[in-house]
């Protein structure tokens, strides 16, 4: 079988995208929002141990768990991916 030439790089592969990490949602009434003060607690629909969701735009791309970096990036939040969504052909070259 002859060597095949390498596939040309997809021109979009170097375009940066913004990923949004969703840790939970809240649905307060506007009247409740207007009463919020410093140190108020806004309860979310998820627990600390629940997975977070990663989105590009409104497309779910993965789930994971929040972790705290160590070493030179100590204290920085990060996400350890635990599940990759089936993207089909929508985001892949």
Protein backbone atom coordinates (compact mmCIF):
# COMPACT_ATOMS: atom_id res chain seq x y z
CA UNK A 1 0.00 0.00 0.00
CA UNK A 2 1.63 3.29 -1.06
CA UNK A 3 2.15 6.07 1.45
CA UNK A 4 -0.69 8.53 1.39
CA UNK A 5 0.14 12.24 1.50
CA UNK A 6 -0.71 13.88 4.82
CA UNK A 7 -4.13 15.47 5.04
CA UNK A 8 -3.97 19.24 4.79
CA UNK A 9 -4.67 20.99 8.08
CA UNK A 10 -8.21 22.26 8.42
CA UNK A 11 -8.00 26.08 8.20
CA UNK A 12 -10.40 26.36 11.15
CA UNK A 13 -8.33 24.18 13.49
CA UNK A 14 -6.40 27.20 14.81
CA UNK A 15 -9.44 29.42 15.42
CA UNK A 16 -9.97 29.92 19.17
CA UNK A 17 -13.43 29.23 20.58
CA UNK A 18 -14.94 30.27 23.88
CA UNK A 19 -16.07 27.43 26.12
CA UNK A 20 -18.67 28.15 28.78
CA UNK A 21 -18.67 25.95 31.88
CA UNK A 22 -22.10 25.70 33.48
CA UNK A 23 -22.08 24.82 37.17
CA UNK A 24 -25.82 25.21 37.67
CA UNK A 25 -28.84 27.39 37.15
CA UNK A 26 -31.09 29.48 39.35
CA UNK A 27 -34.58 30.75 38.58
CA UNK A 28 -35.35 33.44 41.15
CA UNK A 29 -38.20 35.89 40.79
CA UNK A 30 -37.20 39.43 39.86
CA UNK A 31 -38.50 40.60 43.22
CA UNK A 32 -36.07 38.17 44.92
CA UNK A 33 -33.19 39.45 42.77
CA UNK A 34 -33.95 43.03 43.70
CA UNK A 35 -33.62 42.12 47.38
CA UNK A 36 -30.17 40.52 47.05
CA UNK A 37 -27.42 42.13 49.07
CA UNK A 38 -23.75 41.48 49.66
CA UNK A 39 -23.17 37.96 51.06
CA UNK A 40 -26.61 36.77 49.91
CA UNK A 41 -26.72 33.16 48.73
CA UNK A 42 -28.28 32.29 45.38
CA UNK A 43 -29.17 28.60 45.42
CA UNK A 44 -28.39 26.63 42.26
CA UNK A 45 -30.06 23.48 40.97
CA UNK A 46 -26.87 21.39 41.35
CA UNK A 47 -24.71 20.09 44.16
CA UNK A 48 -20.96 20.65 44.44
CA UNK A 49 -20.27 17.02 43.49
CA UNK A 50 -22.49 17.11 40.37
CA UNK A 51 -20.77 17.25 36.97
CA UNK A 52 -20.40 20.58 35.20
CA UNK A 53 -21.33 21.01 31.55
CA UNK A 54 -19.14 22.54 28.85
CA UNK A 55 -20.72 24.42 25.95
CA UNK A 56 -19.54 26.05 22.75
CA UNK A 57 -22.35 28.49 22.07
CA UNK A 58 -25.46 26.53 22.96
CA UNK A 59 -23.95 23.16 21.94
CA UNK A 60 -23.10 20.75 24.78
CA UNK A 61 -19.62 19.38 24.05
CA UNK A 62 -18.60 17.65 27.29
CA UNK A 63 -19.16 17.08 31.01
CA UNK A 64 -16.59 17.05 33.74
CA UNK A 65 -15.68 17.79 37.32
CA UNK A 66 -14.23 20.98 38.72
CA UNK A 67 -10.74 20.66 40.10
CA UNK A 68 -8.24 23.08 41.60
CA UNK A 69 -4.87 23.25 39.88
CA UNK A 70 -1.69 22.68 41.86
CA UNK A 71 1.89 23.70 41.23
CA UNK A 72 2.54 27.02 39.49
CA UNK A 73 -1.19 27.42 38.74
CA UNK A 74 -2.25 26.64 42.32
CA UNK A 75 -5.74 27.88 43.11
CA UNK A 76 -6.75 28.13 39.43
CA UNK A 77 -9.99 26.33 38.58
CA UNK A 78 -9.96 23.71 35.84
CA UNK A 79 -12.25 20.97 34.52
CA UNK A 80 -11.33 17.30 34.30
CA UNK A 81 -13.36 15.91 31.40
CA UNK A 82 -15.35 12.81 32.25
CA UNK A 83 -17.60 12.59 29.19
CA UNK A 84 -17.32 13.89 25.63
CA UNK A 85 -20.60 14.53 23.83
CA UNK A 86 -21.25 12.80 20.52
CA UNK A 87 -20.57 15.75 18.23
CA UNK A 88 -21.10 13.85 15.02
CA UNK A 89 -19.89 16.02 12.20
CA UNK A 90 -21.05 19.31 13.71
CA UNK A 91 -17.69 20.44 15.14
CA UNK A 92 -15.20 18.03 13.62
CA UNK A 93 -13.29 18.61 10.37
